[in-house]
Amino acid sequence: MKKQFLLVFGIMSLLLVFGNQANAQVNQMLGMWKTIDDETGEAKSYVKIFKATDGYYYGKITKLLISDPDTKCTACTGSNKDKPVVGLLIITKMEADGDDLEDGKILDPGNGEIYNCTLSLDDDDKDKLIVRGSIDRWGIAGRSQTWIRLK
């Protein structure tokens, strides 16, 4: 009986430790990030990543760096059509999966397109966020940007 208790206690402890480590990794993604255009290398905007009360993670543009701060999302459709880009939710409904945020969407305000999205911290530098947008669910057909943490 004592051996069974110790075994169960040991397994529960390991799950708690590894679960907290994964959660800590995802929590490091929260905060302000400077977006970097993957084609030009230019800093484009600031995005705040946060966890909402619904349990999902979101990202909102808080500042534009290379265009008029009053720019509207003219290429967007639906409820985002002609909304100001500053304040726009561009990352929606991300879920924690281990060390990453997955299964959400990302909006490109430049073309109005919505893509599947995955967020992960760079293995070597936790101040770099790898943002992968893709047309397929698995991230095969897409492209990545590296965003830099604002301090």
Foldseek 3Di string as FASTA:
>chain_A
DVVVVVVVVVVVVVCVVQVVVLVVLQVLPAAKWFWADPVPRDGFFIWGWDQDPVRFIWIFTAATDPDDQQDALCLADDPRHRHRNHGDTQWDGWHRDRNKTFDIWGADSVRNDIFGWIWHADPVDNQWIWIQGANDRVRPHTDITIIGHDD
